[in-house]
Amino acid sequence: MSELTTQRLDPTPIGLARATDLLSRGGLVAFPTETVYGLGADACNDHAVARIYTAKGRPSFNPLIAHVADIGAAQALTEWTDQAETLAQAFWPGPLTLVLRKRDNCGLSKLLSAGQDTVAVRVPEHPVAHSLLRAFGGPVAAPSANRSGQISPTLADHVVKGMSGRIEAVVDGGRCQVGLESTIIGLAGRPTLLRPGQITIDRLHDILGTPVFERKDTETITAPGQLTSHYAPHARVRLNAVDWQPGELRLGFGAVACDLNLSPSGDMTEAAANLFEYLHRLDAQQAEVIAVSPIPHLGLGVAINDRLTRAAAPRETPEPRT
């Protein structure tokens, strides 16, 4: 693909107007959400959505999320349900994605759903994302703004390092506060957790008042974040390290000696917010191995361990360092 000049835009009225104009012309614009930076394109433009897959090197069978400004916009795209309404009222705007049947003639690019009859929708909470979606006036497809399979970006610098020359612009809205991609729940059949995130399966169960099932990794990919190898640094990742080996960089949790500590106090929210940024920092030191302390598999720890397990999975063709 021919190299672009990637603009860095401020989250000002002028910067957002430029970002909106680029999106309306089929451009790719990265922007902050409360979870991670998303790589935005007009979700109704086949060419623009196809460019997301090309820029990221993303497999075409891996669907995207349509980001919208409010509940009404989500209802216009989907076969809305009572369960969707309950969860949207409880958690939107926020880090929850709903997978629902698409409405006929909803206008979304078929590439967005990777050939499926469902679509993933979310109303983000970040004020920059909200302003951009309002200004654009339509759904924006936005997977994480990184090369496919690599560490998700929580700073504009991460986006520039990985995507410069591949996209038109990035809106610099500072550090993402949640730091992990949204929880995804499927509502086209029985409620099913498709990807863990800050909103836990127990919270979803409490709000819905009905069991929420869990997807098995052996099942067909139906939502983002389900590839076995994902969120990976260039270094090999060793999990549940209770001791450190020579030459390793050490990512700790709790009261341990290490190179970087996700949360010295053992706070899961702090650990989630730091996870991708700290993996970026350690990977930049070009060690062969990053060893990670055990993370309790409870609450938000389920989502953290999901990302780490995929980061540690074998990769057939590791991306070369740049």
Protein backbone atom coordinates (compact mmCIF):
# COMPACT_ATOMS: atom_id res chain seq x y z
CA MET A 1 0.00 0.00 0.00
CA SER A 2 1.23 3.55 -0.70
CA GLU A 3 2.44 5.41 2.37
CA LEU A 4 0.34 8.25 3.76
CA THR A 5 1.32 11.24 5.83
CA THR A 6 -0.36 10.58 9.17
CA GLN A 7 -1.60 13.76 10.82
CA ARG A 8 -1.67 14.18 14.59
CA LEU A 9 -4.78 16.15 15.55
CA ASP A 10 -5.68 17.87 18.81
CA PRO A 11 -9.13 17.15 20.32
CA THR A 12 -10.24 20.72 19.61
CA PRO A 13 -13.18 21.83 17.45
CA ILE A 14 -10.72 22.40 14.58
CA GLY A 15 -9.07 19.00 15.07
CA LEU A 16 -12.40 17.17 15.34
CA ALA A 17 -13.73 18.95 12.25
CA ARG A 18 -10.67 17.76 10.33
CA ALA A 19 -11.14 14.21 11.64
CA THR A 20 -14.82 14.26 10.65
CA ASP A 21 -13.96 15.48 7.16
CA LEU A 22 -11.38 12.70 6.72
CA LEU A 23 -13.90 10.05 7.84
CA SER A 24 -16.53 11.41 5.44
CA ARG A 25 -14.02 11.08 2.59
CA GLY A 26 -13.30 7.42 3.38
CA GLY A 27 -10.20 8.09 5.48
CA LEU A 28 -8.93 6.20 8.51
CA VAL A 29 -8.76 8.18 11.75
CA ALA A 30 -7.62 6.78 15.10
CA PHE A 31 -9.28 8.23 18.18
CA PRO A 32 -9.34 7.56 21.92
CA THR A 33 -12.06 5.67 23.73
CA GLU A 34 -12.12 4.89 27.43
CA THR A 35 -10.85 1.37 26.59
CA VAL A 36 -8.14 1.69 23.91
CA TYR A 37 -7.55 3.82 20.79
CA GLY A 38 -9.84 2.77 17.95
CA LEU A 39 -9.07 2.90 14.22
CA GLY A 40 -12.13 4.62 12.80
CA ALA A 41 -13.72 4.44 9.37
CA ASP A 42 -17.20 5.15 7.99
CA ALA A 43 -19.03 1.90 8.82
CA CYS A 44 -21.32 2.32 5.81
CA ASN A 45 -18.48 2.73 3.29
CA ASP A 46 -17.25 -0.62 1.90
CA HIS A 47 -13.97 0.84 0.67
CA ALA A 48 -13.21 2.55 3.99
CA VAL A 49 -13.98 -0.59 6.01
CA ALA A 50 -11.82 -2.66 3.65
CA ARG A 51 -8.98 -0.22 4.29
CA ILE A 52 -9.15 -1.01 8.03
CA TYR A 53 -8.41 -4.67 7.28
CA THR A 54 -5.55 -3.72 4.96
CA ALA A 55 -3.98 -1.14 7.30
CA LYS A 56 -4.08 -3.52 10.27
CA GLY A 57 -3.27 -6.70 8.35
CA ARG A 58 -6.44 -8.04 9.97
CA PRO A 59 -8.02 -11.33 8.83
CA SER A 60 -11.24 -10.69 6.90
CA PHE A 61 -13.12 -13.25 9.02
CA ASN A 62 -12.59 -11.15 12.19
CA PRO A 63 -15.60 -8.78 12.57
CA LEU A 64 -15.48 -5.15 13.68
CA ILE A 65 -17.45 -3.05 16.18
CA ALA A 66 -19.71 -0.21 15.04
CA HIS A 67 -19.36 2.73 17.43
CA VAL A 68 -22.40 5.01 17.68
CA ALA A 69 -23.30 8.17 19.55
CA ASP A 70 -26.34 6.94 21.49
CA ILE A 71 -28.87 4.16 22.08
CA GLY A 72 -31.16 5.43 19.33
CA ALA A 73 -28.39 5.04 16.76
CA ALA A 74 -27.78 1.46 17.91
CA GLN A 75 -31.50 0.68 17.68
CA ALA A 76 -31.57 1.92 14.07
CA LEU A 77 -28.92 -0.67 13.10
CA THR A 78 -30.10 -3.74 15.02
CA GLU A 79 -33.06 -5.88 15.95
CA TRP A 80 -33.21 -4.37 19.43
CA THR A 81 -34.32 -6.56 22.35
CA ASP A 82 -35.47 -6.07 25.92
CA GLN A 83 -32.15 -7.52 27.14
CA ALA A 84 -30.25 -5.05 24.96
CA GLU A 85 -32.29 -2.18 26.41
CA THR A 86 -31.60 -3.37 29.97
CA LEU A 87 -27.83 -3.57 29.43
CA ALA A 88 -27.66 -0.32 27.45
CA GLN A 89 -29.48 1.58 30.18
CA ALA A 90 -27.11 0.11 32.79
CA PHE A 91 -23.77 0.45 31.02
CA TRP A 92 -23.92 2.89 28.10
CA PRO A 93 -22.07 5.01 27.43
CA GLY A 94 -19.30 2.69 28.54
CA PRO A 95 -17.07 -0.32 27.87
CA LEU A 96 -19.76 -2.82 26.81
CA THR A 97 -20.40 -4.09 23.26
CA LEU A 98 -23.67 -5.78 22.30
CA VAL A 99 -23.87 -8.28 19.43
CA LEU A 100 -27.36 -8.31 17.89
CA ARG A 101 -29.07 -9.26 14.65
CA LYS A 102 -28.69 -6.59 11.98
CA ARG A 103 -31.74 -4.77 10.66
CA ASP A 104 -32.49 -5.28 6.99
CA ASN A 105 -31.22 -2.34 4.94
CA CYS A 106 -29.37 -0.88 7.93
CA GLY A 107 -26.76 0.52 5.56
CA LEU A 108 -23.74 -1.02 7.26
CA SER A 109 -20.97 -2.44 5.11
CA LYS A 110 -21.19 -6.23 4.96
CA LEU A 111 -17.42 -6.31 5.59
CA LEU A 112 -18.07 -4.98 9.10
CA SER A 113 -19.73 -8.24 10.19
CA ALA A 114 -17.42 -10.56 8.24
CA GLY A 115 -20.40 -12.15 6.46
CA GLN A 116 -22.48 -12.77 9.60
CA ASP A 117 -26.08 -11.67 10.18
CA THR A 118 -25.15 -9.97 13.45
CA VAL A 119 -23.36 -6.72 14.25
CA ALA A 120 -21.42 -5.55 17.31
CA VAL A 121 -22.41 -2.08 18.56
CA ARG A 122 -21.11 0.17 21.33
CA VAL A 123 -21.62 3.68 22.69
CA PRO A 124 -18.22 4.79 24.05
CA GLU A 125 -17.90 7.04 27.07
CA HIS A 126 -14.73 8.98 26.22
CA PRO A 127 -15.62 12.64 25.56
CA VAL A 128 -13.43 12.82 22.44
CA ALA A 129 -15.02 9.71 20.96
CA HIS A 130 -18.48 11.01 21.84
CA SER A 131 -17.80 14.40 20.21
CA LEU A 132 -16.39 12.78 17.07
CA LEU A 133 -19.36 10.43 16.69
CA ARG A 134 -21.81 13.30 17.19
CA ALA A 135 -20.02 15.41 14.61
CA PHE A 136 -19.77 12.58 12.08
CA GLY A 137 -23.43 11.67 12.47
CA GLY A 138 -23.19 7.98 11.62
CA PRO A 139 -21.71 4.66 12.76
CA VAL A 140 -17.92 4.39 12.85
CA ALA A 141 -16.19 1.03 12.56
CA ALA A 142 -13.28 1.04 15.01
CA PRO A 143 -11.14 -1.94 16.01
CA SER A 144 -8.03 -1.21 18.09
CA ALA A 145 -5.62 1.08 16.24
CA ASN A 146 -2.67 -1.31 16.01
CA ARG A 147 -1.28 -3.90 13.64
CA SER A 148 -3.31 -7.10 13.91
CA GLY A 149 -2.30 -9.34 16.78
CA GLN A 150 0.00 -6.82 18.44
CA ILE A 151 -0.35 -4.91 21.71
CA SER A 152 -3.40 -2.64 21.79
CA PRO A 153 -2.71 1.13 21.98
CA THR A 154 -3.61 3.18 25.03
CA LEU A 155 -1.65 6.30 23.98
CA ALA A 156 -1.54 8.23 20.72
CA ASP A 157 2.21 7.50 20.64
CA HIS A 158 1.42 3.77 20.43
CA VAL A 159 -0.81 4.43 17.41
CA VAL A 160 1.80 6.57 15.66
CA LYS A 161 4.53 3.98 16.22
CA GLY A 162 2.48 1.14 14.77
CA MET A 163 0.26 2.81 12.17
CA SER A 164 2.11 5.89 10.87
CA GLY A 165 2.02 5.94 7.08
CA ARG A 166 -0.99 3.60 7.00
CA ILE A 167 -3.75 5.94 8.21
CA GLU A 168 -4.72 9.56 7.64
CA ALA A 169 -4.76 10.82 11.22
CA VAL A 170 -4.84 10.17 14.94
CA VAL A 171 -6.71 12.39 17.41
CA ASP A 172 -4.55 12.66 20.52
CA GLY A 173 -6.89 12.47 23.50
CA GLY A 174 -4.33 11.36 26.09
CA ARG A 175 -4.21 8.08 27.97
CA CYS A 176 -7.12 5.64 27.86
CA GLN A 177 -8.40 5.13 31.39
CA VAL A 178 -9.81 1.57 31.27
CA GLY A 179 -6.94 0.12 29.24
CA LEU A 180 -8.66 -3.12 28.15
CA GLU A 181 -11.04 -3.55 25.22
CA SER A 182 -14.76 -3.60 25.94
CA THR A 183 -16.66 -6.57 27.28
CA ILE A 184 -18.65 -8.18 24.44
CA ILE A 185 -21.93 -10.01 25.06
CA GLY A 186 -23.89 -11.83 22.37
CA LEU A 187 -27.66 -11.27 22.48
CA ALA A 188 -28.73 -12.86 19.17
CA GLY A 189 -29.57 -16.03 21.11
CA ARG A 190 -29.00 -16.89 24.74
CA PRO A 191 -26.83 -14.25 26.46
CA THR A 192 -23.21 -15.29 25.91
CA LEU A 193 -19.98 -13.61 27.02
CA LEU A 194 -17.91 -13.35 23.83
CA ARG A 195 -14.99 -11.35 25.26
CA PRO A 196 -14.29 -10.49 28.91
CA GLY A 197 -13.60 -6.90 29.92
CA GLN A 198 -14.07 -4.41 32.74
CA ILE A 199 -17.77 -5.30 33.01
CA THR A 200 -17.64 -8.83 34.40
CA ILE A 201 -19.90 -11.78 33.68
CA ASP A 202 -21.22 -11.56 37.27
CA ARG A 203 -22.31 -7.93 36.73
CA LEU A 204 -24.01 -8.87 33.47
CA HIS A 205 -25.84 -11.71 35.24
CA ASP A 206 -26.93 -9.39 38.04
CA ILE A 207 -28.35 -6.79 35.64
CA LEU A 208 -30.07 -9.28 33.33
CA GLY A 209 -31.28 -11.55 36.11
CA THR A 210 -30.58 -14.57 33.91
CA PRO A 211 -27.54 -16.83 33.33
CA VAL A 212 -24.83 -15.56 30.99
CA PHE A 213 -23.02 -18.33 29.18
CA GLU A 214 -19.37 -18.30 28.10
CA ARG A 215 -18.00 -18.85 24.62
CA LYS A 216 -15.47 -21.66 24.14
CA ASP A 217 -12.30 -20.86 22.18
CA THR A 218 -13.04 -23.83 19.91
CA GLU A 219 -16.21 -22.15 18.60
CA THR A 220 -16.41 -20.07 15.42
CA ILE A 221 -15.14 -16.49 15.74
CA THR A 222 -18.18 -14.26 16.20
CA ALA A 223 -16.67 -11.10 17.70
CA PRO A 224 -13.36 -9.23 17.96
CA GLY A 225 -10.67 -10.41 20.36
CA GLN A 226 -11.25 -14.15 19.90
CA LEU A 227 -8.11 -15.07 17.94
CA THR A 228 -5.87 -17.44 19.92
CA SER A 229 -2.81 -15.24 19.40
CA HIS A 230 -3.60 -11.59 20.04
CA TYR A 231 -2.37 -8.52 21.98
CA ALA A 232 1.20 -9.83 21.57
CA PRO A 233 4.51 -8.02 22.04
CA HIS A 234 7.54 -8.98 19.96
CA ALA A 235 9.04 -10.63 23.06
CA ARG A 236 7.87 -14.05 24.21
CA VAL A 237 5.55 -13.82 27.23
CA ARG A 238 5.98 -16.20 30.20
CA LEU A 239 2.94 -16.30 32.47
CA ASN A 240 2.49 -17.04 36.19
CA ALA A 241 6.15 -16.36 36.92
CA VAL A 242 6.88 -16.74 40.63
CA ASP A 243 10.62 -16.39 40.09
CA TRP A 244 12.64 -14.51 37.49
CA GLN A 245 15.09 -16.01 35.00
CA PRO A 246 18.30 -14.27 33.84
CA GLY A 247 17.75 -11.87 30.95
CA GLU A 248 13.98 -11.60 31.39
CA LEU A 249 12.13 -8.36 31.85
CA ARG A 250 9.73 -8.62 34.77
CA LEU A 251 6.11 -7.43 34.81
CA GLY A 252 4.89 -7.72 38.37
CA PHE A 253 1.61 -7.59 40.27
CA GLY A 254 1.41 -7.03 44.01
CA ALA A 255 4.35 -6.78 46.41
CA VAL A 256 7.13 -8.18 44.19
CA ALA A 257 10.45 -6.85 42.92
CA CYS A 258 10.17 -6.28 39.17
CA ASP A 259 10.94 -3.92 36.29
CA LEU A 260 7.38 -2.58 36.06
CA ASN A 261 4.50 -3.31 38.40
CA LEU A 262 0.90 -3.37 37.14
CA SER A 263 -0.30 -2.57 40.65
CA PRO A 264 1.94 -2.80 43.75
CA SER A 265 -1.19 -2.80 45.92
CA GLY A 266 -2.86 -5.58 43.91
CA ASP A 267 -5.63 -3.32 42.54
CA MET A 268 -7.22 -4.95 39.47
CA THR A 269 -8.53 -1.70 37.98
CA GLU A 270 -5.08 -0.14 38.14
CA ALA A 271 -3.54 -3.30 36.66
CA ALA A 272 -5.96 -3.32 33.73
CA ALA A 273 -5.31 0.35 32.98
CA ASN A 274 -1.54 -0.24 32.95
CA LEU A 275 -1.41 -3.60 31.13
CA PHE A 276 -0.96 -2.62 27.48
CA GLU A 277 1.11 0.49 28.21
CA TYR A 278 3.55 -1.50 30.34
CA LEU A 279 3.81 -4.26 27.74
CA HIS A 280 4.66 -1.56 25.19
CA ARG A 281 7.34 -0.12 27.53
CA LEU A 282 8.97 -3.47 28.25
CA ASP A 283 8.84 -4.59 24.63
CA ALA A 284 10.62 -1.39 23.59
CA GLN A 285 13.64 -2.62 25.59
CA GLN A 286 13.94 -5.52 23.12
CA ALA A 287 14.22 -8.36 25.63
CA GLU A 288 13.59 -11.89 24.42
CA VAL A 289 11.17 -12.71 27.25
CA ILE A 290 8.71 -10.76 29.40
CA ALA A 291 7.83 -12.71 32.55
CA VAL A 292 4.51 -11.85 34.21
CA SER A 293 3.48 -12.40 37.82
CA PRO A 294 0.35 -14.48 38.51
CA ILE A 295 -2.88 -12.45 38.29
CA PRO A 296 -5.80 -13.75 40.41
CA HIS A 297 -8.48 -15.15 38.09
CA LEU A 298 -11.33 -13.26 39.72
CA GLY A 299 -13.46 -10.31 38.60
CA LEU A 300 -11.47 -8.04 36.29
CA GLY A 301 -8.57 -10.50 36.58
CA VAL A 302 -10.46 -12.78 34.16
CA ALA A 303 -10.17 -10.14 31.42
CA ILE A 304 -6.53 -9.38 32.25
CA ASN A 305 -5.66 -13.08 32.09
CA ASP A 306 -7.56 -13.43 28.81
CA ARG A 307 -5.35 -10.75 27.22
CA LEU A 308 -2.17 -12.20 28.71
CA THR A 309 -2.99 -15.75 27.63
CA ARG A 310 -3.51 -14.60 24.04
CA ALA A 311 -0.34 -12.48 24.22
CA ALA A 312 1.60 -15.57 25.30
CA ALA A 313 0.12 -17.90 22.66
CA PRO A 314 2.50 -19.25 19.98
CA ARG A 315 2.70 -17.16 16.82
CA GLU A 316 3.34 -18.79 13.48
CA THR A 317 5.01 -15.70 11.97
CA PRO A 318 6.13 -13.19 14.62
CA GLU A 319 6.08 -9.58 13.41
CA PRO A 320 9.66 -8.23 12.99
CA ARG A 321 10.73 -5.38 15.25
CA THR A 322 10.74 -1.91 13.72
